C-alpha atoms as a PDB file:
ATOM      1  CA  MET A   1     -95.322  47.874-134.994  1.00  0.00           C
ATOM      2  CA  ALA A   2     -92.929  47.541-137.989  1.00  0.00           C
ATOM      3  CA  ALA A   3     -94.176  43.977-138.827  1.00  0.00           C
ATOM      4  CA  LEU A   4     -97.763  45.196-138.745  1.00  0.00           C
ATOM      5  CA  ARG A   5     -96.869  48.011-141.181  1.00  0.00           C
ATOM      6  CA  GLU A   6     -95.143  45.645-143.631  1.00  0.00           C
ATOM      7  CA  THR A   7     -98.156  43.352-143.604  1.00  0.00           C
ATOM      8  CA  PHE A   8    -100.445  46.306-144.214  1.00  0.00           C
ATOM      9  CA  PHE A   9     -98.340  47.390-147.230  1.00  0.00           C
ATOM     10  CA  GLN A  10     -98.195  43.950-148.682  1.00  0.00           C
ATOM     11  CA  PHE A  11    -101.981  43.786-148.480  1.00  0.00           C
ATOM     12  CA  TYR A  12    -102.897  47.210-149.764  1.00  0.00           C
ATOM     13  CA  GLY A  13     -99.736  48.491-151.479  1.00  0.00           C
ATOM     14  CA  PHE A  14    -100.660  52.172-152.003  1.00  0.00           C
ATOM     15  CA  LEU A  15    -100.424  55.574-150.260  1.00  0.00           C
ATOM     16  CA  ARG A  16    -103.962  56.269-149.187  1.00  0.00           C
ATOM     17  CA  PRO A  17    -104.172  53.342-146.809  1.00  0.00           C
ATOM     18  CA  PHE A  18    -100.735  54.266-145.442  1.00  0.00           C
ATOM     19  CA  ASN A  19    -102.075  57.595-144.245  1.00  0.00           C
ATOM     20  CA  LEU A  20    -105.099  55.950-142.724  1.00  0.00           C
ATOM     21  CA  PHE A  21    -102.878  53.384-141.160  1.00  0.00           C
ATOM     22  CA  ASN A  22    -100.575  55.978-139.632  1.00  0.00           C
ATOM     23  CA  ALA A  23    -103.597  57.855-138.322  1.00  0.00           C
ATOM     24  CA  LEU A  24    -104.785  54.629-136.668  1.00  0.00           C
ATOM     25  CA  ILE A  25    -101.445  54.002-135.112  1.00  0.00           C
ATOM     26  CA  GLU A  26    -101.264  57.567-133.696  1.00  0.00           C
ATOM     27  CA  ARG A  27    -104.743  57.065-132.275  1.00  0.00           C
ATOM     28  CA  LEU A  28    -103.731  53.837-130.593  1.00  0.00           C
ATOM     29  CA  GLU A  29    -100.665  55.621-129.183  1.00  0.00           C
ATOM     30  CA  ASP A  30    -102.900  58.438-127.909  1.00  0.00           C
ATOM     31  CA  GLU A  31    -105.247  55.917-126.257  1.00  0.00           C
ATOM     32  CA  SER A  32    -102.267  54.343-124.589  1.00  0.00           C
ATOM     33  CA  ASP A  33    -101.185  57.743-123.346  1.00  0.00           C
ATOM     34  CA  LEU A  34    -104.701  58.454-122.120  1.00  0.00           C
ATOM     35  CA  ARG A  35    -104.638  55.054-120.247  1.00  0.00           C
ATOM     36  CA  ASP A  36    -101.329  55.978-118.551  1.00  0.00           C
ATOM     37  CA  ILE A  37    -102.745  59.367-117.607  1.00  0.00           C
ATOM     38  CA  ARG A  38    -105.878  57.734-116.169  1.00  0.00           C
ATOM     39  CA  GLU A  39    -103.736  55.345-114.109  1.00  0.00           C
ATOM     40  CA  ALA A  40    -101.555  58.109-112.795  1.00  0.00           C
ATOM     41  CA  ARG A  41    -104.633  60.158-111.882  1.00  0.00           C
ATOM     42  CA  SER A  42    -105.938  57.191-109.766  1.00  0.00           C
ATOM     43  CA  GLU A  43    -102.642  57.074-107.831  1.00  0.00           C
ATOM     44  CA  PRO A  44    -102.075  60.635-106.507  1.00  0.00           C
ATOM     45  CA  LEU A  45     -98.610  61.598-105.480  1.00  0.00           C
ATOM     46  CA  TYR A  46     -99.893  63.159-102.298  1.00  0.00           C
ATOM     47  CA  GLY A  47    -102.864  62.658-100.094  1.00  0.00           C
ATOM     48  CA  GLN A  48    -105.429  65.431 -99.810  1.00  0.00           C
ATOM     49  CA  SER A  49    -104.235  66.460 -96.310  1.00  0.00           C
ATOM     50  CA  GLU A  50    -100.613  66.499 -97.484  1.00  0.00           C
ATOM     51  CA  ALA A  51    -101.503  68.557-100.498  1.00  0.00           C
ATOM     52  CA  GLU A  52    -103.532  71.070 -98.461  1.00  0.00           C
ATOM     53  CA  ASP A  53    -100.647  71.448 -95.976  1.00  0.00           C
ATOM     54  CA  TYR A  54     -98.399  72.249 -98.838  1.00  0.00           C
ATOM     55  CA  ILE A  55    -100.747  74.678-100.561  1.00  0.00           C
ATOM     56  CA  PHE A  56    -101.345  76.584 -97.308  1.00  0.00           C
ATOM     57  CA  MET A  57     -97.765  76.405 -96.108  1.00  0.00           C
ATOM     58  CA  ASN A  58     -96.044  79.596 -95.128  1.00  0.00           C
ATOM     59  CA  PRO A  59     -94.652  81.025 -98.437  1.00  0.00           C
ATOM     60  CA  VAL A  60     -91.099  81.476 -97.190  1.00  0.00           C
ATOM     61  CA  LYS A  61     -90.974  77.816 -95.996  1.00  0.00           C
ATOM     62  CA  ARG A  62     -92.605  76.514 -99.176  1.00  0.00           C
ATOM     63  CA  GLU A  63     -90.112  78.395-101.430  1.00  0.00           C
ATOM     64  CA  ARG A  64     -87.167  77.330 -99.234  1.00  0.00           C
ATOM     65  CA  LEU A  65     -88.171  73.638 -99.330  1.00  0.00           C
ATOM     66  CA  GLU A  66     -88.709  73.908-103.105  1.00  0.00           C
ATOM     67  CA  LYS A  67     -85.108  75.065-103.471  1.00  0.00           C
ATOM     68  CA  GLY A  68     -83.939  72.380-101.048  1.00  0.00           C
ATOM     69  CA  TRP A  69     -82.326  74.927 -98.683  1.00  0.00           C
ATOM     70  CA  THR A  70     -82.089  74.764 -94.948  1.00  0.00           C
ATOM     71  CA  GLN A  71     -83.076  77.835 -92.896  1.00  0.00           C
ATOM     72  CA  GLN A  72     -79.318  78.490 -92.379  1.00  0.00           C
ATOM     73  CA  GLU A  73     -78.631  78.450 -96.137  1.00  0.00           C
ATOM     74  CA  LEU A  74     -81.484  80.951 -96.743  1.00  0.00           C
ATOM     75  CA  ALA A  75     -80.284  83.078 -93.923  1.00  0.00           C
ATOM     76  CA  ASN A  76     -76.768  83.202 -95.340  1.00  0.00           C
ATOM     77  CA  ARG A  77     -78.105  84.196 -98.812  1.00  0.00           C
ATOM     78  CA  ILE A  78     -80.055  87.030 -97.405  1.00  0.00           C
ATOM     79  CA  GLY A  79     -77.641  88.118 -94.659  1.00  0.00           C
ATOM     80  CA  VAL A  80     -79.804  87.403 -91.626  1.00  0.00           C
ATOM     81  CA  LYS A  81     -79.624  84.978 -88.669  1.00  0.00           C
ATOM     82  CA  GLN A  82     -81.288  81.501 -89.012  1.00  0.00           C
ATOM     83  CA  SER A  83     -83.569  82.479 -86.101  1.00  0.00           C
ATOM     84  CA  THR A  84     -84.876  85.322 -88.271  1.00  0.00           C
ATOM     85  CA  VAL A  85     -85.758  82.881 -91.062  1.00  0.00           C
ATOM     86  CA  ALA A  86     -87.531  80.704 -88.478  1.00  0.00           C
ATOM     87  CA  LYS A  87     -89.554  83.689 -87.352  1.00  0.00           C
ATOM     88  CA  TRP A  88     -90.487  84.457 -90.961  1.00  0.00           C
ATOM     89  CA  GLU A  89     -91.714  80.854 -91.408  1.00  0.00           C
ATOM     90  CA  ARG A  90     -94.247  81.028 -88.509  1.00  0.00           C
ATOM     91  CA  GLU A  91     -97.823  80.862 -89.281  1.00  0.00           C
ATOM     92  CA  GLY A  92     -99.358  84.383 -89.838  1.00  0.00           C
ATOM     93  CA  ALA A  93     -95.941  86.026 -90.354  1.00  0.00           C
ATOM     94  CA  VAL A  94     -96.091  89.525 -91.847  1.00  0.00           C
ATOM     95  CA  TYR A  95     -93.120  90.823 -93.876  1.00  0.00           C
ATOM     96  CA  ARG A  96     -91.835  94.416 -94.391  1.00  0.00           C
ATOM     97  CA  LYS A  97     -91.379  95.587 -97.903  1.00  0.00           C
ATOM     98  CA  ALA A  98     -87.618  95.351 -97.665  1.00  0.00           C
ATOM     99  CA  THR A  99     -87.929  91.776 -96.369  1.00  0.00           C
ATOM    100  CA  ARG A 100     -90.290  90.816 -99.227  1.00  0.00           C
ATOM    101  CA  GLN A 101     -87.790  92.260-101.754  1.00  0.00           C
ATOM    102  CA  LYS A 102     -84.912  90.261-100.220  1.00  0.00           C
ATOM    103  CA  LEU A 103     -86.887  87.040-100.196  1.00  0.00           C
ATOM    104  CA  ALA A 104     -88.075  87.541-103.795  1.00  0.00           C
ATOM    105  CA  LYS A 105     -84.541  88.157-105.005  1.00  0.00           C
ATOM    106  CA  ALA A 106     -83.236  85.183-103.158  1.00  0.00           C
ATOM    107  CA  PHE A 107     -85.919  82.852-104.553  1.00  0.00           C
ATOM    108  CA  GLY A 108     -86.108  84.478-107.997  1.00  0.00           C
ATOM    109  CA  ILE A 109     -89.822  85.063-107.801  1.00  0.00           C
ATOM    110  CA  ASN A 110     -92.221  88.079-107.501  1.00  0.00           C
ATOM    111  CA  GLU A 111     -92.434  89.787-104.109  1.00  0.00           C
ATOM    112  CA  THR A 112     -96.196  89.605-104.221  1.00  0.00           C
ATOM    113  CA  SER A 113     -95.759  85.910-103.236  1.00  0.00           C
ATOM    114  CA  PHE A 114     -95.051  87.169 -99.742  1.00  0.00           C
ATOM    115  CA  SER A 115     -97.882  89.596 -99.320  1.00  0.00           C
END
């Protein structure tokens, strides 16, 4: 890039083309970024099924996995047994208000995530 700039200045030698040149370089860099984005978009990190499983996963389990905690670690943080956490992670689990508050505090999120 530096060699190209030197050639450009030797040829034109004044400020206006410099600004135009910089605008063109930025545009090329933007196009390169767009190309990288398009490539990344064509290679999803997760398959559709995997993504849907994550989206619709039990909120306690999803938050726990996001933190990298085991059920036992979460249980210790909240002051319950591991089996209680396992129960909370079952499909269709309903949480009492006090439980939602404990979970929200442990995960550092809003308790409405568990409604």
